[in-house]
Amino acid sequence: MTSTERRYFEEMYESSRDPWNYSSSWYERRKYALTVAALPRVRYPSAFEPGCSIGVLSELLAVRCDRLLATDIIPAPLERASERLHRFPGVIVEQRAIPEWWPEQRFDLVVLSELAYYFDAETLSDIVLKVAESTDPGADLVAVHWRGETDYPLTGDQAHELIDGSPEFQRVAHHAEERFVLDVWERTK
Protein backbone atom coordinates (compact mmCIF):
# COMPACT_ATOMS: atom_id res chain seq x y z
CA MET A 1 0.00 0.00 0.00
CA THR A 2 1.26 3.46 -0.84
CA SER A 3 1.20 6.49 1.45
CA THR A 4 -2.20 7.90 2.39
CA GLU A 5 -3.52 10.40 -0.17
CA ARG A 6 -3.96 14.06 0.74
CA ARG A 7 -7.66 13.85 -0.20
CA TYR A 8 -8.29 11.58 2.81
CA PHE A 9 -7.25 14.38 5.18
CA GLU A 10 -9.14 17.04 3.23
CA GLU A 11 -12.32 14.99 3.56
CA MET A 12 -11.77 14.46 7.28
CA TYR A 13 -11.45 18.21 7.91
CA GLU A 14 -14.39 18.99 5.62
CA SER A 15 -16.58 16.81 7.83
CA SER A 16 -15.35 18.20 11.18
CA ARG A 17 -13.16 20.96 12.61
CA ASP A 18 -11.63 18.34 14.95
CA PRO A 19 -12.24 14.93 13.30
CA TRP A 20 -10.13 12.96 15.78
CA ASN A 21 -11.40 14.88 18.86
CA TYR A 22 -7.91 16.11 19.74
CA SER A 23 -9.19 18.93 21.91
CA SER A 24 -11.92 17.04 23.79
CA SER A 25 -10.95 13.37 24.11
CA TRP A 26 -9.55 12.08 27.43
CA TYR A 27 -7.54 9.55 25.42
CA GLU A 28 -5.87 12.35 23.45
CA ARG A 29 -5.26 14.61 26.46
CA ARG A 30 -3.69 11.73 28.43
CA LYS A 31 -1.58 10.61 25.45
CA TYR A 32 -0.32 14.17 24.94
CA ALA A 33 0.52 14.54 28.63
CA LEU A 34 2.52 11.29 28.52
CA THR A 35 4.24 12.40 25.30
CA VAL A 36 5.41 15.67 26.83
CA ALA A 37 6.38 13.93 30.09
CA ALA A 38 8.56 11.50 28.10
CA LEU A 39 10.71 14.31 26.66
CA PRO A 40 14.21 13.83 28.12
CA ARG A 41 15.08 17.54 28.22
CA VAL A 42 13.42 20.33 30.14
CA ARG A 43 13.87 22.70 27.18
CA TYR A 44 14.58 22.41 23.46
CA PRO A 45 16.09 25.24 21.39
CA SER A 46 14.42 24.09 18.14
CA ALA A 47 11.66 21.55 17.46
CA PHE A 48 9.69 20.31 14.47
CA GLU A 49 6.21 18.81 14.59
CA PRO A 50 4.98 17.78 11.15
CA GLY A 51 1.31 16.84 11.00
CA CYS A 52 0.36 19.22 13.80
CA SER A 53 -3.35 19.26 12.85
CA ILE A 54 -5.20 21.83 15.02
CA GLY A 55 -2.19 22.34 17.31
CA VAL A 56 -3.28 20.70 20.57
CA LEU A 57 0.01 18.85 21.12
CA SER A 58 1.87 21.82 19.60
CA GLU A 59 0.59 24.01 22.42
CA LEU A 60 2.13 21.67 25.00
CA LEU A 61 5.39 21.48 23.04
CA ALA A 62 5.56 25.28 22.66
CA VAL A 63 5.92 25.65 26.43
CA ARG A 64 9.08 23.52 26.29
CA CYS A 65 10.64 24.88 23.07
CA ASP A 66 12.33 28.17 22.20
CA ARG A 67 11.31 27.63 18.56
CA LEU A 68 8.72 25.23 17.18
CA LEU A 69 7.87 24.67 13.55
CA ALA A 70 4.37 23.14 13.42
CA THR A 71 3.21 22.03 9.97
CA ASP A 72 0.36 20.25 8.25
CA ILE A 73 -0.65 19.64 4.64
CA ILE A 74 -4.24 20.92 4.96
CA PRO A 75 -5.01 24.65 5.41
CA ALA A 76 -8.18 24.23 7.55
CA PRO A 77 -6.51 22.72 10.64
CA LEU A 78 -3.59 25.12 10.28
CA GLU A 79 -5.97 28.05 10.78
CA ARG A 80 -7.07 26.56 14.09
CA ALA A 81 -3.46 25.78 15.03
CA SER A 82 -2.48 29.39 14.31
CA GLU A 83 -5.31 30.65 16.55
CA ARG A 84 -4.26 28.29 19.33
CA LEU A 85 -0.54 29.08 19.07
CA HIS A 86 -0.52 32.83 18.34
CA ARG A 87 0.55 33.71 21.90
CA PHE A 88 3.84 31.81 21.52
CA PRO A 89 6.33 34.08 19.69
CA GLY A 90 8.70 31.20 18.92
CA VAL A 91 6.09 29.12 17.06
CA ILE A 92 5.80 29.14 13.29
CA VAL A 93 2.80 27.42 11.69
CA GLU A 94 3.25 26.49 8.02
CA GLN A 95 1.65 24.40 5.34
CA ARG A 96 4.16 21.73 4.31
CA ALA A 97 4.03 18.17 3.04
CA ILE A 98 6.75 15.81 4.17
CA PRO A 99 9.06 14.41 3.00
CA GLU A 100 8.80 16.65 -0.12
CA TRP A 101 9.02 19.99 1.68
CA TRP A 102 11.34 19.10 4.52
CA PRO A 103 12.60 22.26 6.27
CA GLU A 104 16.22 23.28 5.86
CA GLN A 105 16.72 23.89 9.59
CA ARG A 106 18.47 22.05 12.40
CA PHE A 107 16.30 20.60 15.16
CA ASP A 108 16.91 19.30 18.68
CA LEU A 109 13.52 17.60 18.74
CA VAL A 110 11.28 16.06 16.07
CA VAL A 111 7.83 14.78 17.06
CA LEU A 112 5.93 12.32 14.86
CA SER A 113 2.56 12.08 16.58
CA GLU A 114 -0.13 10.01 14.84
CA LEU A 115 1.65 10.60 11.53
CA ALA A 116 4.19 7.89 10.64
CA TYR A 117 1.67 5.16 9.80
CA TYR A 118 0.12 7.23 7.01
CA PHE A 119 3.27 6.59 4.97
CA ASP A 120 4.43 3.41 3.30
CA ALA A 121 7.64 1.84 4.61
CA GLU A 122 9.85 3.34 1.90
CA THR A 123 8.56 6.88 2.47
CA LEU A 124 8.78 6.55 6.26
CA SER A 125 12.39 5.37 5.89
CA ASP A 126 13.06 8.51 3.83
CA ILE A 127 11.45 10.64 6.56
CA VAL A 128 13.60 9.04 9.27
CA LEU A 129 16.68 9.73 7.15
CA LYS A 130 15.59 13.38 6.81
CA VAL A 131 15.16 13.56 10.60
CA ALA A 132 18.73 12.30 10.98
CA GLU A 133 20.02 14.80 8.39
CA SER A 134 18.31 17.73 10.16
CA THR A 135 19.49 16.86 13.67
CA ASP A 136 22.81 16.49 15.46
CA PRO A 137 23.86 13.74 17.85
CA GLY A 138 21.98 14.18 21.10
CA ALA A 139 18.75 15.33 19.43
CA ASP A 140 15.52 13.51 20.27
CA LEU A 141 12.95 11.87 18.00
CA VAL A 142 9.56 11.13 19.56
CA ALA A 143 6.87 8.98 17.97
CA VAL A 144 3.45 8.13 19.37
CA HIS A 145 0.82 6.16 17.46
CA TRP A 146 -2.49 4.35 17.80
CA ARG A 147 -2.05 0.57 18.00
CA GLY A 148 -5.53 -0.44 16.90
CA GLU A 149 -6.64 -1.63 13.51
CA THR A 150 -6.41 0.85 10.66
CA ASP A 151 -6.51 0.83 6.90
CA TYR A 152 -3.33 2.92 6.75
CA PRO A 153 -0.16 1.66 5.02
CA LEU A 154 1.47 0.76 8.38
CA THR A 155 0.31 0.00 11.89
CA GLY A 156 1.61 2.06 14.78
CA ASP A 157 3.79 -0.85 15.87
CA GLN A 158 5.20 -1.31 12.36
CA ALA A 159 6.04 2.38 12.12
CA HIS A 160 7.89 2.26 15.44
CA GLU A 161 9.76 -0.91 14.46
CA LEU A 162 10.91 0.77 11.27
CA ILE A 163 12.13 3.85 13.16
CA ASP A 164 13.80 1.63 15.75
CA GLY A 165 15.76 -0.09 12.97
CA SER A 166 17.46 3.16 11.97
CA PRO A 167 21.19 3.04 12.81
CA GLU A 168 21.25 6.79 13.56
CA PHE A 169 18.84 6.50 16.49
CA GLN A 170 18.86 4.60 19.78
CA ARG A 171 15.65 4.13 21.73
CA VAL A 172 15.86 5.68 25.21
CA ALA A 173 12.23 5.38 26.33
CA HIS A 174 9.35 3.04 25.48
CA HIS A 175 5.77 3.08 26.69
CA ALA A 176 3.20 0.68 25.25
CA GLU A 177 -0.46 0.29 26.11
CA GLU A 178 -3.27 -1.52 24.38
CA ARG A 179 -4.31 1.66 22.56
CA PHE A 180 -1.02 3.43 21.77
CA VAL A 181 2.76 3.13 21.69
CA LEU A 182 5.16 5.95 22.62
CA ASP A 183 8.89 5.86 21.95
CA VAL A 184 11.75 8.32 22.31
CA TRP A 185 14.98 7.87 20.39
CA GLU A 186 18.22 9.79 20.69
CA ARG A 187 20.28 10.60 17.63
CA THR A 188 23.57 8.83 18.28
CA LYS A 189 25.50 9.03 14.98
C-alpha atoms as a PDB file:
ATOM      1  CA  MET A   1       0.000   0.000   0.000  1.00  0.00           C
ATOM      2  CA  THR A   2       1.263   3.463  -0.839  1.00  0.00           C
ATOM      3  CA  SER A   3       1.202   6.485   1.452  1.00  0.00           C
ATOM      4  CA  THR A   4      -2.196   7.905   2.387  1.00  0.00           C
ATOM      5  CA  GLU A   5      -3.521  10.397  -0.166  1.00  0.00           C
ATOM      6  CA  ARG A   6      -3.965  14.060   0.739  1.00  0.00           C
ATOM      7  CA  ARG A   7      -7.657  13.850  -0.196  1.00  0.00           C
ATOM      8  CA  TYR A   8      -8.293  11.578   2.813  1.00  0.00           C
ATOM      9  CA  PHE A   9      -7.250  14.382   5.176  1.00  0.00           C
ATOM     10  CA  GLU A  10      -9.136  17.043   3.227  1.00  0.00           C
ATOM     11  CA  GLU A  11     -12.322  14.990   3.556  1.00  0.00           C
ATOM     12  CA  MET A  12     -11.768  14.460   7.280  1.00  0.00           C
ATOM     13  CA  TYR A  13     -11.452  18.209   7.907  1.00  0.00           C
ATOM     14  CA  GLU A  14     -14.387  18.989   5.620  1.00  0.00           C
ATOM     15  CA  SER A  15     -16.582  16.809   7.828  1.00  0.00           C
ATOM     16  CA  SER A  16     -15.351  18.195  11.182  1.00  0.00           C
ATOM     17  CA  ARG A  17     -13.159  20.962  12.611  1.00  0.00           C
ATOM     18  CA  ASP A  18     -11.628  18.337  14.948  1.00  0.00           C
ATOM     19  CA  PRO A  19     -12.238  14.935  13.300  1.00  0.00           C
ATOM     20  CA  TRP A  20     -10.128  12.959  15.782  1.00  0.00           C
ATOM     21  CA  ASN A  21     -11.396  14.877  18.858  1.00  0.00           C
ATOM     22  CA  TYR A  22      -7.913  16.105  19.737  1.00  0.00           C
ATOM     23  CA  SER A  23      -9.192  18.928  21.914  1.00  0.00           C
ATOM     24  CA  SER A  24     -11.922  17.039  23.790  1.00  0.00           C
ATOM     25  CA  SER A  25     -10.946  13.374  24.111  1.00  0.00           C
ATOM     26  CA  TRP A  26      -9.553  12.084  27.428  1.00  0.00           C
ATOM     27  CA  TYR A  27      -7.539   9.546  25.423  1.00  0.00           C
ATOM     28  CA  GLU A  28      -5.871  12.352  23.447  1.00  0.00           C
ATOM     29  CA  ARG A  29      -5.257  14.606  26.464  1.00  0.00           C
ATOM     30  CA  ARG A  30      -3.689  11.733  28.426  1.00  0.00           C
ATOM     31  CA  LYS A  31      -1.582  10.614  25.448  1.00  0.00           C
ATOM     32  CA  TYR A  32      -0.325  14.170  24.935  1.00  0.00           C
ATOM     33  CA  ALA A  33       0.523  14.538  28.632  1.00  0.00           C
ATOM     34  CA  LEU A  34       2.520  11.290  28.516  1.00  0.00           C
ATOM     35  CA  THR A  35       4.238  12.395  25.305  1.00  0.00           C
ATOM     36  CA  VAL A  36       5.414  15.667  26.831  1.00  0.00           C
ATOM     37  CA  ALA A  37       6.377  13.928  30.091  1.00  0.00           C
ATOM     38  CA  ALA A  38       8.562  11.499  28.104  1.00  0.00           C
ATOM     39  CA  LEU A  39      10.711  14.310  26.661  1.00  0.00           C
ATOM     40  CA  PRO A  40      14.208  13.829  28.119  1.00  0.00           C
ATOM     41  CA  ARG A  41      15.079  17.536  28.223  1.00  0.00           C
ATOM     42  CA  VAL A  42      13.421  20.334  30.136  1.00  0.00           C
ATOM     43  CA  ARG A  43      13.866  22.695  27.181  1.00  0.00           C
ATOM     44  CA  TYR A  44      14.579  22.412  23.458  1.00  0.00           C
ATOM     45  CA  PRO A  45      16.090  25.237  21.388  1.00  0.00           C
ATOM     46  CA  SER A  46      14.417  24.094  18.142  1.00  0.00           C
ATOM     47  CA  ALA A  47      11.664  21.553  17.462  1.00  0.00           C
ATOM     48  CA  PHE A  48       9.693  20.312  14.471  1.00  0.00           C
ATOM     49  CA  GLU A  49       6.210  18.806  14.588  1.00  0.00           C
ATOM     50  CA  PRO A  50       4.983  17.775  11.147  1.00  0.00           C
ATOM     51  CA  GLY A  51       1.313  16.837  11.004  1.00  0.00           C
ATOM     52  CA  CYS A  52       0.356  19.216  13.805  1.00  0.00           C
ATOM     53  CA  SER A  53      -3.348  19.264  12.852  1.00  0.00           C
ATOM     54  CA  ILE A  54      -5.196  21.826  15.018  1.00  0.00           C
ATOM     55  CA  GLY A  55      -2.188  22.339  17.308  1.00  0.00           C
ATOM     56  CA  VAL A  56      -3.285  20.699  20.569  1.00  0.00           C
ATOM     57  CA  LEU A  57       0.010  18.853  21.121  1.00  0.00           C
ATOM     58  CA  SER A  58       1.865  21.818  19.603  1.00  0.00           C
ATOM     59  CA  GLU A  59       0.587  24.008  22.416  1.00  0.00           C
ATOM     60  CA  LEU A  60       2.130  21.671  25.005  1.00  0.00           C
ATOM     61  CA  LEU A  61       5.391  21.482  23.044  1.00  0.00           C
ATOM     62  CA  ALA A  62       5.560  25.280  22.660  1.00  0.00           C
ATOM     63  CA  VAL A  63       5.917  25.649  26.433  1.00  0.00           C
ATOM     64  CA  ARG A  64       9.082  23.519  26.292  1.00  0.00           C
ATOM     65  CA  CYS A  65      10.641  24.883  23.073  1.00  0.00           C
ATOM     66  CA  ASP A  66      12.328  28.167  22.200  1.00  0.00           C
ATOM     67  CA  ARG A  67      11.310  27.632  18.564  1.00  0.00           C
ATOM     68  CA  LEU A  68       8.722  25.231  17.184  1.00  0.00           C
ATOM     69  CA  LEU A  69       7.873  24.669  13.548  1.00  0.00           C
ATOM     70  CA  ALA A  70       4.373  23.140  13.418  1.00  0.00           C
ATOM     71  CA  THR A  71       3.207  22.029   9.971  1.00  0.00           C
ATOM     72  CA  ASP A  72       0.361  20.251   8.248  1.00  0.00           C
ATOM     73  CA  ILE A  73      -0.646  19.638   4.643  1.00  0.00           C
ATOM     74  CA  ILE A  74      -4.241  20.919   4.963  1.00  0.00           C
ATOM     75  CA  PRO A  75      -5.013  24.647   5.413  1.00  0.00           C
ATOM     76  CA  ALA A  76      -8.177  24.233   7.548  1.00  0.00           C
ATOM     77  CA  PRO A  77      -6.514  22.723  10.639  1.00  0.00           C
ATOM     78  CA  LEU A  78      -3.590  25.123  10.285  1.00  0.00           C
ATOM     79  CA  GLU A  79      -5.973  28.045  10.780  1.00  0.00           C
ATOM     80  CA  ARG A  80      -7.071  26.555  14.092  1.00  0.00           C
ATOM     81  CA  ALA A  81      -3.459  25.779  15.032  1.00  0.00           C
ATOM     82  CA  SER A  82      -2.482  29.392  14.306  1.00  0.00           C
ATOM     83  CA  GLU A  83      -5.305  30.650  16.547  1.00  0.00           C
ATOM     84  CA  ARG A  84      -4.260  28.285  19.328  1.00  0.00           C
ATOM     85  CA  LEU A  85      -0.537  29.082  19.071  1.00  0.00           C
ATOM     86  CA  HIS A  86      -0.522  32.829  18.342  1.00  0.00           C
ATOM     87  CA  ARG A  87       0.552  33.712  21.904  1.00  0.00           C
ATOM     88  CA  PHE A  88       3.840  31.811  21.523  1.00  0.00           C
ATOM     89  CA  PRO A  89       6.327  34.082  19.691  1.00  0.00           C
ATOM     90  CA  GLY A  90       8.701  31.196  18.919  1.00  0.00           C
ATOM     91  CA  VAL A  91       6.094  29.124  17.063  1.00  0.00           C
ATOM     92  CA  ILE A  92       5.803  29.141  13.287  1.00  0.00           C
ATOM     93  CA  VAL A  93       2.804  27.418  11.686  1.00  0.00           C
ATOM     94  CA  GLU A  94       3.251  26.490   8.020  1.00  0.00           C
ATOM     95  CA  GLN A  95       1.650  24.402   5.337  1.00  0.00           C
ATOM     96  CA  ARG A  96       4.155  21.726   4.313  1.00  0.00           C
ATOM     97  CA  ALA A  97       4.028  18.171   3.042  1.00  0.00           C
ATOM     98  CA  ILE A  98       6.750  15.814   4.174  1.00  0.00           C
ATOM     99  CA  PRO A  99       9.061  14.412   2.999  1.00  0.00           C
ATOM    100  CA  GLU A 100       8.795  16.646  -0.123  1.00  0.00           C
ATOM    101  CA  TRP A 101       9.020  19.994   1.678  1.00  0.00           C
ATOM    102  CA  TRP A 102      11.336  19.103   4.525  1.00  0.00           C
ATOM    103  CA  PRO A 103      12.596  22.259   6.273  1.00  0.00           C
ATOM    104  CA  GLU A 104      16.224  23.284   5.860  1.00  0.00           C
ATOM    105  CA  GLN A 105      16.719  23.894   9.586  1.00  0.00           C
ATOM    106  CA  ARG A 106      18.468  22.048  12.401  1.00  0.00           C
ATOM    107  CA  PHE A 107      16.303  20.601  15.165  1.00  0.00           C
ATOM    108  CA  ASP A 108      16.915  19.301  18.684  1.00  0.00           C
ATOM    109  CA  LEU A 109      13.515  17.597  18.740  1.00  0.00           C
ATOM    110  CA  VAL A 110      11.281  16.065  16.070  1.00  0.00           C
ATOM    111  CA  VAL A 111       7.829  14.780  17.058  1.00  0.00           C
ATOM    112  CA  LEU A 112       5.929  12.324  14.860  1.00  0.00           C
ATOM    113  CA  SER A 113       2.563  12.076  16.581  1.00  0.00           C
ATOM    114  CA  GLU A 114      -0.129  10.012  14.837  1.00  0.00           C
ATOM    115  CA  LEU A 115       1.654  10.604  11.534  1.00  0.00           C
ATOM    116  CA  ALA A 116       4.187   7.892  10.642  1.00  0.00           C
ATOM    117  CA  TYR A 117       1.670   5.158   9.802  1.00  0.00           C
ATOM    118  CA  TYR A 118       0.124   7.226   7.012  1.00  0.00           C
ATOM    119  CA  PHE A 119       3.274   6.591   4.972  1.00  0.00           C
ATOM    120  CA  ASP A 120       4.428   3.410   3.295  1.00  0.00           C
ATOM    121  CA  ALA A 121       7.643   1.839   4.612  1.00  0.00           C
ATOM    122  CA  GLU A 122       9.849   3.340   1.904  1.00  0.00           C
ATOM    123  CA  THR A 123       8.563   6.880   2.472  1.00  0.00           C
ATOM    124  CA  LEU A 124       8.784   6.554   6.255  1.00  0.00           C
ATOM    125  CA  SER A 125      12.393   5.371   5.887  1.00  0.00           C
ATOM    126  CA  ASP A 126      13.060   8.513   3.830  1.00  0.00           C
ATOM    127  CA  ILE A 127      11.452  10.642   6.563  1.00  0.00           C
ATOM    128  CA  VAL A 128      13.596   9.036   9.273  1.00  0.00           C
ATOM    129  CA  LEU A 129      16.683   9.733   7.147  1.00  0.00           C
ATOM    130  CA  LYS A 130      15.590  13.382   6.808  1.00  0.00           C
ATOM    131  CA  VAL A 131      15.156  13.560  10.598  1.00  0.00           C
ATOM    132  CA  ALA A 132      18.730  12.299  10.978  1.00  0.00           C
ATOM    133  CA  GLU A 133      20.017  14.800   8.393  1.00  0.00           C
ATOM    134  CA  SER A 134      18.307  17.733  10.161  1.00  0.00           C
ATOM    135  CA  THR A 135      19.492  16.862  13.671  1.00  0.00           C
ATOM    136  CA  ASP A 136      22.805  16.486  15.457  1.00  0.00           C
ATOM    137  CA  PRO A 137      23.859  13.737  17.852  1.00  0.00           C
ATOM    138  CA  GLY A 138      21.979  14.183  21.101  1.00  0.00           C
ATOM    139  CA  ALA A 139      18.746  15.330  19.434  1.00  0.00           C
ATOM    140  CA  ASP A 140      15.516  13.509  20.270  1.00  0.00           C
ATOM    141  CA  LEU A 141      12.954  11.875  18.000  1.00  0.00           C
ATOM    142  CA  VAL A 142       9.559  11.132  19.562  1.00  0.00           C
ATOM    143  CA  ALA A 143       6.868   8.983  17.974  1.00  0.00           C
ATOM    144  CA  VAL A 144       3.453   8.131  19.374  1.00  0.00           C
ATOM    145  CA  HIS A 145       0.819   6.162  17.460  1.00  0.00           C
ATOM    146  CA  TRP A 146      -2.486   4.352  17.803  1.00  0.00           C
ATOM    147  CA  ARG A 147      -2.052   0.569  18.004  1.00  0.00           C
ATOM    148  CA  GLY A 148      -5.535  -0.439  16.898  1.00  0.00           C
ATOM    149  CA  GLU A 149      -6.643  -1.633  13.514  1.00  0.00           C
ATOM    150  CA  THR A 150      -6.407   0.851  10.664  1.00  0.00           C
ATOM    151  CA  ASP A 151      -6.510   0.832   6.901  1.00  0.00           C
ATOM    152  CA  TYR A 152      -3.325   2.918   6.749  1.00  0.00           C
ATOM    153  CA  PRO A 153      -0.155   1.656   5.024  1.00  0.00           C
ATOM    154  CA  LEU A 154       1.473   0.757   8.378  1.00  0.00           C
ATOM    155  CA  THR A 155       0.307  -0.002  11.888  1.00  0.00           C
ATOM    156  CA  GLY A 156       1.606   2.056  14.784  1.00  0.00           C
ATOM    157  CA  ASP A 157       3.794  -0.848  15.869  1.00  0.00           C
ATOM    158  CA  GLN A 158       5.202  -1.314  12.357  1.00  0.00           C
ATOM    159  CA  ALA A 159       6.037   2.384  12.119  1.00  0.00           C
ATOM    160  CA  HIS A 160       7.892   2.259  15.443  1.00  0.00           C
ATOM    161  CA  GLU A 161       9.757  -0.910  14.457  1.00  0.00           C
ATOM    162  CA  LEU A 162      10.911   0.774  11.266  1.00  0.00           C
ATOM    163  CA  ILE A 163      12.132   3.852  13.160  1.00  0.00           C
ATOM    164  CA  ASP A 164      13.802   1.627  15.753  1.00  0.00           C
ATOM    165  CA  GLY A 165      15.757  -0.086  12.968  1.00  0.00           C
ATOM    166  CA  SER A 166      17.461   3.163  11.966  1.00  0.00           C
ATOM    167  CA  PRO A 167      21.192   3.041  12.813  1.00  0.00           C
ATOM    168  CA  GLU A 168      21.248   6.792  13.564  1.00  0.00           C
ATOM    169  CA  PHE A 169      18.836   6.501  16.492  1.00  0.00           C
ATOM    170  CA  GLN A 170      18.860   4.605  19.777  1.00  0.00           C
ATOM    171  CA  ARG A 171      15.645   4.135  21.727  1.00  0.00           C
ATOM    172  CA  VAL A 172      15.863   5.676  25.206  1.00  0.00           C
ATOM    173  CA  ALA A 173      12.225   5.383  26.329  1.00  0.00           C
ATOM    174  CA  HIS A 174       9.353   3.041  25.485  1.00  0.00           C
ATOM    175  CA  HIS A 175       5.768   3.080  26.694  1.00  0.00           C
ATOM    176  CA  ALA A 176       3.196   0.682  25.248  1.00  0.00           C
ATOM    177  CA  GLU A 177      -0.458   0.287  26.106  1.00  0.00           C
ATOM    178  CA  GLU A 178      -3.270  -1.524  24.380  1.00  0.00           C
ATOM    179  CA  ARG A 179      -4.308   1.663  22.555  1.00  0.00           C
ATOM    180  CA  PHE A 180      -1.017   3.427  21.765  1.00  0.00           C
ATOM    181  CA  VAL A 181       2.755   3.130  21.687  1.00  0.00           C
ATOM    182  CA  LEU A 182       5.158   5.947  22.621  1.00  0.00           C
ATOM    183  CA  ASP A 183       8.894   5.863  21.946  1.00  0.00           C
ATOM    184  CA  VAL A 184      11.747   8.322  22.312  1.00  0.00           C
ATOM    185  CA  TRP A 185      14.982   7.868  20.393  1.00  0.00           C
ATOM    186  CA  GLU A 186      18.218   9.793  20.694  1.00  0.00           C
ATOM    187  CA  ARG A 187      20.276  10.598  17.627  1.00  0.00           C
ATOM    188  CA  THR A 188      23.570   8.831  18.279  1.00  0.00           C
ATOM    189  CA  LYS A 189      25.497   9.026  14.981  1.00  0.00           C
END
